[in-house]
All heavy atoms as atom14 arrays in JSON, in Angstrom:
{
  "sequence": "WYRRRSAPPFEVRWTAEGVEIEIEHLLLRYTASARG",
  "atom14_mask": [
    [1, 1, 1, 1, 1, 1, 1, 1, 1, 1, 1, 1, 1, 1],
    [1, 1, 1, 1, 1, 1, 1, 1, 1, 1, 1, 1, 0, 0],
    [1, 1, 1, 1, 1, 1, 1, 1, 1, 1, 1, 0, 0, 0],
    [1, 1, 1, 1, 1, 1, 1, 1, 1, 1, 1, 0, 0, 0],
    [1, 1, 1, 1, 1, 1, 1, 1, 1, 1, 1, 0, 0, 0],
    [1, 1, 1, 1, 1, 1, 0, 0, 0, 0, 0, 0, 0, 0],
    [1, 1, 1, 1, 1, 0, 0, 0, 0, 0, 0, 0, 0, 0],
    [1, 1, 1, 1, 1, 1, 1, 0, 0, 0, 0, 0, 0, 0],
    [1, 1, 1, 1, 1, 1, 1, 0, 0, 0, 0, 0, 0, 0],
    [1, 1, 1, 1, 1, 1, 1, 1, 1, 1, 1, 0, 0, 0],
    [1, 1, 1, 1, 1, 1, 1, 1, 1, 0, 0, 0, 0, 0],
    [1, 1, 1, 1, 1, 1, 1, 0, 0, 0, 0, 0, 0, 0],
    [1, 1, 1, 1, 1, 1, 1, 1, 1, 1, 1, 0, 0, 0],
    [1, 1, 1, 1, 1, 1, 1, 1, 1, 1, 1, 1, 1, 1],
    [1, 1, 1, 1, 1, 1, 1, 0, 0, 0, 0, 0, 0, 0],
    [1, 1, 1, 1, 1, 0, 0, 0, 0, 0, 0, 0, 0, 0],
    [1, 1, 1, 1, 1, 1, 1, 1, 1, 0, 0, 0, 0, 0],
    [1, 1, 1, 1, 0, 0, 0, 0, 0, 0, 0, 0, 0, 0],
    [1, 1, 1, 1, 1, 1, 1, 0, 0, 0, 0, 0, 0, 0],
    [1, 1, 1, 1, 1, 1, 1, 1, 1, 0, 0, 0, 0, 0],
    [1, 1, 1, 1, 1, 1, 1, 1, 0, 0, 0, 0, 0, 0],
    [1, 1, 1, 1, 1, 1, 1, 1, 1, 0, 0, 0, 0, 0],
    [1, 1, 1, 1, 1, 1, 1, 1, 0, 0, 0, 0, 0, 0],
    [1, 1, 1, 1, 1, 1, 1, 1, 1, 0, 0, 0, 0, 0],
    [1, 1, 1, 1, 1, 1, 1, 1, 1, 1, 0, 0, 0, 0],
    [1, 1, 1, 1, 1, 1, 1, 1, 0, 0, 0, 0, 0, 0],
    [1, 1, 1, 1, 1, 1, 1, 1, 0, 0, 0, 0, 0, 0],
    [1, 1, 1, 1, 1, 1, 1, 1, 0, 0, 0, 0, 0, 0],
    [1, 1, 1, 1, 1, 1, 1, 1, 1, 1, 1, 0, 0, 0],
    [1, 1, 1, 1, 1, 1, 1, 1, 1, 1, 1, 1, 0, 0],
    [1, 1, 1, 1, 1, 1, 1, 0, 0, 0, 0, 0, 0, 0],
    [1, 1, 1, 1, 1, 0, 0, 0, 0, 0, 0, 0, 0, 0],
    [1, 1, 1, 1, 1, 1, 0, 0, 0, 0, 0, 0, 0, 0],
    [1, 1, 1, 1, 1, 0, 0, 0, 0, 0, 0, 0, 0, 0],
    [1, 1, 1, 1, 1, 1, 1, 1, 1, 1, 1, 0, 0, 0],
    [1, 1, 1, 1, 0, 0, 0, 0, 0, 0, 0, 0, 0, 0]
  ],
  "atom14_positions": [
    [[-29.84, -26.24, 49.56], [-30.18, -26.4, 48.12], [-29.56, -25.26, 47.32], [-29.27, -25.39, 46.16], [-31.68, -26.48, 47.91], [-32.41, -25.29, 48.39], [-32.94, -25.08, 49.66], [-32.72, -24.11, 47.64], [-33.53, -23.87, 49.7], [-33.42, -23.26, 48.52], [-32.52, -23.72, 46.34], [-33.84, -21.98, 48.13], [-32.93, -22.47, 45.95], [-33.64, -21.63, 46.8]],
    [[-29.35, -24.14, 47.97], [-28.67, -23.01, 47.29], [-27.23, -22.9, 47.81], [-26.95, -22.55, 48.87], [-29.42, -21.69, 47.59], [-28.83, -20.5, 46.87], [-28.96, -20.36, 45.54], [-28.07, -19.52, 47.59], [-28.39, -19.26, 44.86], [-27.56, -18.38, 46.92], [-27.71, -18.29, 45.53], [-27.18, -17.23, 44.9], [0.0, 0.0, 0.0], [0.0, 0.0, 0.0]],
    [[-26.29, -23.38, 46.96], [-24.88, -23.6, 47.4], [-24.06, -22.29, 47.28], [-22.92, -22.25, 47.77], [-24.26, -24.64, 46.51], [-24.83, -26.04, 46.67], [-24.47, -26.66, 47.99], [-23.06, -26.7, 48.2], [-22.33, -27.75, 48.33], [-22.87, -28.91, 48.34], [-21.04, -27.69, 48.52], [0.0, 0.0, 0.0], [0.0, 0.0, 0.0], [0.0, 0.0, 0.0]],
    [[-24.53, -21.27, 46.66], [-23.69, -20.06, 46.48], [-23.91, -19.03, 47.59], [-24.0, -17.87, 47.32], [-23.99, -19.4, 45.09], [-23.7, -20.33, 43.91], [-23.77, -19.6, 42.64], [-23.61, -20.48, 41.52], [-22.49, -20.81, 40.97], [-21.35, -20.28, 41.38], [-22.44, -21.6, 39.94], [0.0, 0.0, 0.0], [0.0, 0.0, 0.0], [0.0, 0.0, 0.0]],
    [[-23.98, -19.49, 48.79], [-24.13, -18.62, 49.95], [-22.78, -18.14, 50.42], [-21.74, -18.77, 50.21], [-24.77, -19.41, 51.05], [-26.13, -20.02, 50.73], [-26.56, -20.9, 51.8], [-26.72, -20.11, 53.05], [-27.52, -20.38, 54.01], [-28.32, -21.41, 53.91], [-27.57, -19.64, 55.08], [0.0, 0.0, 0.0], [0.0, 0.0, 0.0], [0.0, 0.0, 0.0]],
    [[-22.8, -17.0, 51.05], [-21.55, -16.43, 51.67], [-21.23, -17.27, 52.91], [-22.1, -17.57, 53.71], [-21.71, -15.01, 52.04], [-21.96, -14.23, 50.91], [0.0, 0.0, 0.0], [0.0, 0.0, 0.0], [0.0, 0.0, 0.0], [0.0, 0.0, 0.0], [0.0, 0.0, 0.0], [0.0, 0.0, 0.0], [0.0, 0.0, 0.0], [0.0, 0.0, 0.0]],
    [[-19.99, -17.61, 53.08], [-19.54, -18.34, 54.31], [-19.48, -17.36, 55.49], [-19.15, -16.2, 55.31], [-18.17, -18.92, 54.08], [0.0, 0.0, 0.0], [0.0, 0.0, 0.0], [0.0, 0.0, 0.0], [0.0, 0.0, 0.0], [0.0, 0.0, 0.0], [0.0, 0.0, 0.0], [0.0, 0.0, 0.0], [0.0, 0.0, 0.0], [0.0, 0.0, 0.0]],
    [[-19.85, -17.77, 56.65], [-19.69, -16.91, 57.85], [-18.2, -16.77, 58.13], [-17.35, -17.48, 57.58], [-20.36, -17.7, 58.95], [-20.39, -19.13, 58.5], [-20.38, -19.14, 56.99], [0.0, 0.0, 0.0], [0.0, 0.0, 0.0], [0.0, 0.0, 0.0], [0.0, 0.0, 0.0], [0.0, 0.0, 0.0], [0.0, 0.0, 0.0], [0.0, 0.0, 0.0]],
    [[-17.8, -15.79, 58.96], [-16.41, -15.61, 59.31], [-15.81, -16.85, 59.91], [-16.45, -17.58, 60.71], [-16.4, -14.48, 60.33], [-17.73, -13.81, 60.16], [-18.69, -14.86, 59.62], [0.0, 0.0, 0.0], [0.0, 0.0, 0.0], [0.0, 0.0, 0.0], [0.0, 0.0, 0.0], [0.0, 0.0, 0.0], [0.0, 0.0, 0.0], [0.0, 0.0, 0.0]],
    [[-14.58, -17.21, 59.5], [-13.84, -18.37, 60.04], [-12.34, -18.11, 59.88], [-11.93, -17.25, 59.11], [-14.29, -19.66, 59.33], [-13.89, -19.75, 57.91], [-12.75, -20.37, 57.51], [-14.74, -19.21, 56.95], [-12.35, -20.44, 56.15], [-14.41, -19.32, 55.56], [-13.25, -19.9, 55.19], [0.0, 0.0, 0.0], [0.0, 0.0, 0.0], [0.0, 0.0, 0.0]],
    [[-11.61, -18.9, 60.65], [-10.14, -18.85, 60.61], [-9.6, -20.24, 60.32], [-10.16, -21.23, 60.81], [-9.54, -18.36, 61.96], [-9.79, -16.89, 62.26], [-9.1, -16.51, 63.54], [-7.99, -17.0, 63.81], [-9.72, -15.7, 64.23], [0.0, 0.0, 0.0], [0.0, 0.0, 0.0], [0.0, 0.0, 0.0], [0.0, 0.0, 0.0], [0.0, 0.0, 0.0]],
    [[-8.54, -20.28, 59.55], [-7.86, -21.6, 59.27], [-6.44, -21.47, 59.74], [-5.77, -20.45, 59.4], [-7.89, -21.9, 57.74], [-7.13, -23.19, 57.48], [-9.35, -22.02, 57.23], [0.0, 0.0, 0.0], [0.0, 0.0, 0.0], [0.0, 0.0, 0.0], [0.0, 0.0, 0.0], [0.0, 0.0, 0.0], [0.0, 0.0, 0.0], [0.0, 0.0, 0.0]],
    [[-6.01, -22.43, 60.52], [-4.61, -22.45, 60.99], [-4.01, -23.76, 60.69], [-4.56, -24.85, 61.01], [-4.55, -22.19, 62.5], [-4.97, -20.79, 62.91], [-4.94, -20.59, 64.44], [-5.9, -21.33, 65.16], [-7.18, -20.95, 65.33], [-7.59, -19.82, 64.83], [-8.0, -21.68, 66.06], [0.0, 0.0, 0.0], [0.0, 0.0, 0.0], [0.0, 0.0, 0.0]],
    [[-2.84, -23.76, 60.09], [-2.05, -24.96, 59.82], [-1.07, -25.17, 60.96], [-0.38, -24.26, 61.34], [-1.32, -24.89, 58.47], [-2.29, -24.91, 57.31], [-2.81, -23.74, 56.68], [-2.9, -25.98, 56.7], [-3.65, -24.12, 55.7], [-3.75, -25.49, 55.73], [-2.79, -27.38, 56.91], [-4.54, -26.36, 54.92], [-3.62, -28.18, 56.12], [-4.43, -27.69, 55.11]],
    [[-1.03, -26.36, 61.47], [-0.17, -26.68, 62.64], [0.76, -27.85, 62.22], [0.52, -28.43, 61.15], [-1.01, -27.08, 63.89], [-1.63, -28.31, 63.65], [-2.01, -25.98, 64.26], [0.0, 0.0, 0.0], [0.0, 0.0, 0.0], [0.0, 0.0, 0.0], [0.0, 0.0, 0.0], [0.0, 0.0, 0.0], [0.0, 0.0, 0.0], [0.0, 0.0, 0.0]],
    [[1.62, -28.17, 63.1], [2.54, -29.33, 62.84], [1.72, -30.67, 62.75], [2.07, -31.61, 62.07], [3.56, -29.47, 63.92], [0.0, 0.0, 0.0], [0.0, 0.0, 0.0], [0.0, 0.0, 0.0], [0.0, 0.0, 0.0], [0.0, 0.0, 0.0], [0.0, 0.0, 0.0], [0.0, 0.0, 0.0], [0.0, 0.0, 0.0], [0.0, 0.0, 0.0]],
    [[0.61, -30.72, 63.43], [-0.32, -31.9, 63.52], [-1.3, -31.96, 62.33], [-1.71, -33.01, 61.94], [-1.03, -31.99, 64.79], [-0.12, -32.2, 66.04], [0.51, -30.95, 66.52], [-0.08, -29.87, 66.3], [1.57, -31.02, 67.04], [0.0, 0.0, 0.0], [0.0, 0.0, 0.0], [0.0, 0.0, 0.0], [0.0, 0.0, 0.0], [0.0, 0.0, 0.0]],
    [[-1.67, -30.79, 61.83], [-2.68, -30.81, 60.72], [-3.29, -29.45, 60.55], [-2.6, -28.45, 60.5], [0.0, 0.0, 0.0], [0.0, 0.0, 0.0], [0.0, 0.0, 0.0], [0.0, 0.0, 0.0], [0.0, 0.0, 0.0], [0.0, 0.0, 0.0], [0.0, 0.0, 0.0], [0.0, 0.0, 0.0], [0.0, 0.0, 0.0], [0.0, 0.0, 0.0]],
    [[-4.58, -29.34, 60.54], [-5.3, -28.05, 60.3], [-6.33, -27.88, 61.38], [-6.95, -28.79, 61.88], [-5.9, -28.07, 58.89], [-7.02, -29.07, 58.73], [-6.43, -26.69, 58.49], [0.0, 0.0, 0.0], [0.0, 0.0, 0.0], [0.0, 0.0, 0.0], [0.0, 0.0, 0.0], [0.0, 0.0, 0.0], [0.0, 0.0, 0.0], [0.0, 0.0, 0.0]],
    [[-6.58, -26.57, 61.71], [-7.64, -26.18, 62.61], [-8.51, -25.22, 61.88], [-8.02, -24.29, 61.22], [-7.07, -25.46, 63.86], [-6.24, -26.36, 64.73], [-5.74, -25.61, 65.99], [-5.88, -24.38, 66.03], [-5.23, -26.32, 66.83], [0.0, 0.0, 0.0], [0.0, 0.0, 0.0], [0.0, 0.0, 0.0], [0.0, 0.0, 0.0], [0.0, 0.0, 0.0]],
    [[-9.81, -25.41, 61.96], [-10.83, -24.5, 61.39], [-11.68, -24.03, 62.55], [-12.29, -24.88, 63.25], [-11.62, -25.18, 60.29], [-10.75, -25.71, 59.19], [-12.68, -24.17, 59.76], [-11.48, -26.5, 58.13], [0.0, 0.0, 0.0], [0.0, 0.0, 0.0], [0.0, 0.0, 0.0], [0.0, 0.0, 0.0], [0.0, 0.0, 0.0], [0.0, 0.0, 0.0]],
    [[-11.74, -22.75, 62.72], [-12.51, -22.17, 63.82], [-13.58, -21.29, 63.26], [-13.3, -20.33, 62.54], [-11.63, -21.4, 64.8], [-12.37, -20.87, 66.02], [-11.42, -20.36, 67.09], [-10.25, -20.25, 66.85], [-11.95, -20.0, 68.2], [0.0, 0.0, 0.0], [0.0, 0.0, 0.0], [0.0, 0.0, 0.0], [0.0, 0.0, 0.0], [0.0, 0.0, 0.0]],
    [[-14.86, -21.53, 63.67], [-15.99, -20.71, 63.34], [-16.59, -20.29, 64.72], [-16.13, -20.69, 65.75], [-16.97, -21.39, 62.44], [-17.44, -22.73, 62.99], [-16.4, -21.53, 61.04], [-18.45, -23.44, 62.08], [0.0, 0.0, 0.0], [0.0, 0.0, 0.0], [0.0, 0.0, 0.0], [0.0, 0.0, 0.0], [0.0, 0.0, 0.0], [0.0, 0.0, 0.0]],
    [[-17.6, -19.45, 64.66], [-18.14, -18.84, 65.93], [-18.4, -19.87, 67.02], [-18.07, -19.65, 68.13], [-19.4, -18.09, 65.6], [-19.98, -17.33, 66.78], [-21.2, -16.54, 66.45], [-21.58, -16.49, 65.26], [-21.77, -15.97, 67.36], [0.0, 0.0, 0.0], [0.0, 0.0, 0.0], [0.0, 0.0, 0.0], [0.0, 0.0, 0.0], [0.0, 0.0, 0.0]],
    [[-18.97, -20.99, 66.69], [-19.39, -21.96, 67.71], [-18.71, -23.32, 67.66], [-19.16, -24.32, 68.26], [-20.9, -22.21, 67.62], [-21.78, -20.99, 67.85], [-21.95, -20.43, 69.09], [-22.36, -20.14, 66.98], [-22.68, -19.35, 69.04], [-22.98, -19.15, 67.73], [0.0, 0.0, 0.0], [0.0, 0.0, 0.0], [0.0, 0.0, 0.0], [0.0, 0.0, 0.0]],
    [[-17.59, -23.39, 66.87], [-17.03, -24.66, 66.62], [-15.53, -24.52, 66.31], [-15.1, -23.64, 65.62], [-17.7, -25.37, 65.44], [-17.22, -26.69, 64.97], [-17.49, -27.77, 65.99], [-17.89, -27.1, 63.64], [0.0, 0.0, 0.0], [0.0, 0.0, 0.0], [0.0, 0.0, 0.0], [0.0, 0.0, 0.0], [0.0, 0.0, 0.0], [0.0, 0.0, 0.0]],
    [[-14.74, -25.47, 66.8], [-13.32, -25.59, 66.5], [-13.09, -27.02, 66.07], [-13.31, -27.98, 66.81], [-12.43, -25.23, 67.73], [-10.9, -25.56, 67.54], [-10.36, -24.64, 66.43], [-10.19, -25.31, 68.86], [0.0, 0.0, 0.0], [0.0, 0.0, 0.0], [0.0, 0.0, 0.0], [0.0, 0.0, 0.0], [0.0, 0.0, 0.0], [0.0, 0.0, 0.0]],
    [[-12.62, -27.17, 64.78], [-12.27, -28.5, 64.27], [-10.81, -28.61, 64.17], [-10.16, -27.72, 63.63], [-12.93, -28.66, 62.83], [-12.48, -29.9, 62.15], [-13.41, -31.03, 62.53], [-12.46, -29.7, 60.63], [0.0, 0.0, 0.0], [0.0, 0.0, 0.0], [0.0, 0.0, 0.0], [0.0, 0.0, 0.0], [0.0, 0.0, 0.0], [0.0, 0.0, 0.0]],
    [[-10.26, -29.7, 64.73], [-8.84, -30.04, 64.6], [-8.78, -31.38, 63.82], [-9.31, -32.36, 64.27], [-8.21, -30.18, 65.98], [-8.13, -28.86, 66.69], [-7.3, -29.07, 68.02], [-7.19, -27.78, 68.66], [-7.64, -27.54, 69.92], [-8.1, -28.55, 70.61], [-7.44, -26.4, 70.42], [0.0, 0.0, 0.0], [0.0, 0.0, 0.0], [0.0, 0.0, 0.0]],
    [[-8.04, -31.36, 62.72], [-7.96, -32.46, 61.85], [-6.5, -32.82, 61.54], [-5.73, -31.99, 61.2], [-8.7, -32.22, 60.53], [-8.61, -33.35, 59.56], [-9.27, -34.54, 59.73], [-7.78, -33.23, 58.42], [-9.13, -35.58, 58.8], [-7.63, -34.22, 57.49], [-8.32, -35.4, 57.69], [-8.14, -36.43, 56.82], [0.0, 0.0, 0.0], [0.0, 0.0, 0.0]],
    [[-6.2, -34.1, 61.7], [-4.89, -34.65, 61.32], [-5.11, -35.54, 60.12], [-5.88, -36.45, 60.17], [-4.31, -35.48, 62.45], [-4.19, -34.65, 63.64], [-2.93, -35.96, 62.14], [0.0, 0.0, 0.0], [0.0, 0.0, 0.0], [0.0, 0.0, 0.0], [0.0, 0.0, 0.0], [0.0, 0.0, 0.0], [0.0, 0.0, 0.0], [0.0, 0.0, 0.0]],
    [[-4.38, -35.24, 59.03], [-4.61, -35.92, 57.78], [-4.19, -37.39, 57.89], [-3.23, -37.76, 58.63], [-3.78, -35.24, 56.68], [0.0, 0.0, 0.0], [0.0, 0.0, 0.0], [0.0, 0.0, 0.0], [0.0, 0.0, 0.0], [0.0, 0.0, 0.0], [0.0, 0.0, 0.0], [0.0, 0.0, 0.0], [0.0, 0.0, 0.0], [0.0, 0.0, 0.0]],
    [[-4.9, -38.27, 57.15], [-4.57, -39.67, 57.14], [-4.79, -40.16, 55.66], [-5.78, -39.74, 55.02], [-5.51, -40.44, 58.05], [-5.45, -41.84, 57.79], [0.0, 0.0, 0.0], [0.0, 0.0, 0.0], [0.0, 0.0, 0.0], [0.0, 0.0, 0.0], [0.0, 0.0, 0.0], [0.0, 0.0, 0.0], [0.0, 0.0, 0.0], [0.0, 0.0, 0.0]],
    [[-3.94, -41.03, 55.2], [-4.12, -41.56, 53.86], [-5.4, -42.35, 53.78], [-5.92, -42.59, 52.64], [-2.9, -42.39, 53.46], [0.0, 0.0, 0.0], [0.0, 0.0, 0.0], [0.0, 0.0, 0.0], [0.0, 0.0, 0.0], [0.0, 0.0, 0.0], [0.0, 0.0, 0.0], [0.0, 0.0, 0.0], [0.0, 0.0, 0.0], [0.0, 0.0, 0.0]],
    [[-5.92, -42.88, 54.83], [-7.12, -43.64, 54.86], [-8.4, -42.79, 54.9], [-9.52, -43.27, 54.95], [-7.17, -44.61, 56.05], [-6.04, -45.61, 55.99], [-6.1, -46.63, 57.1], [-7.08, -46.31, 58.15], [-6.93, -46.66, 59.38], [-5.93, -47.39, 59.77], [-7.82, -46.31, 60.28], [0.0, 0.0, 0.0], [0.0, 0.0, 0.0], [0.0, 0.0, 0.0]],
    [[-8.22, -41.48, 54.89], [-9.35, -40.56, 55.02], [-9.7, -40.27, 56.42], [-8.87, -40.18, 57.27], [0.0, 0.0, 0.0], [0.0, 0.0, 0.0], [0.0, 0.0, 0.0], [0.0, 0.0, 0.0], [0.0, 0.0, 0.0], [0.0, 0.0, 0.0], [0.0, 0.0, 0.0], [0.0, 0.0, 0.0], [0.0, 0.0, 0.0], [0.0, 0.0, 0.0]]
  ]
}
């Protein structure tokens, strides 16, 4: 409900396939698609 919180440390990496977002307990790898 309080949206103005500080984000925890994270890293963003752009790759040939898309983007990677890494936080302490999670690694997200996303490849963009026009369909969402």
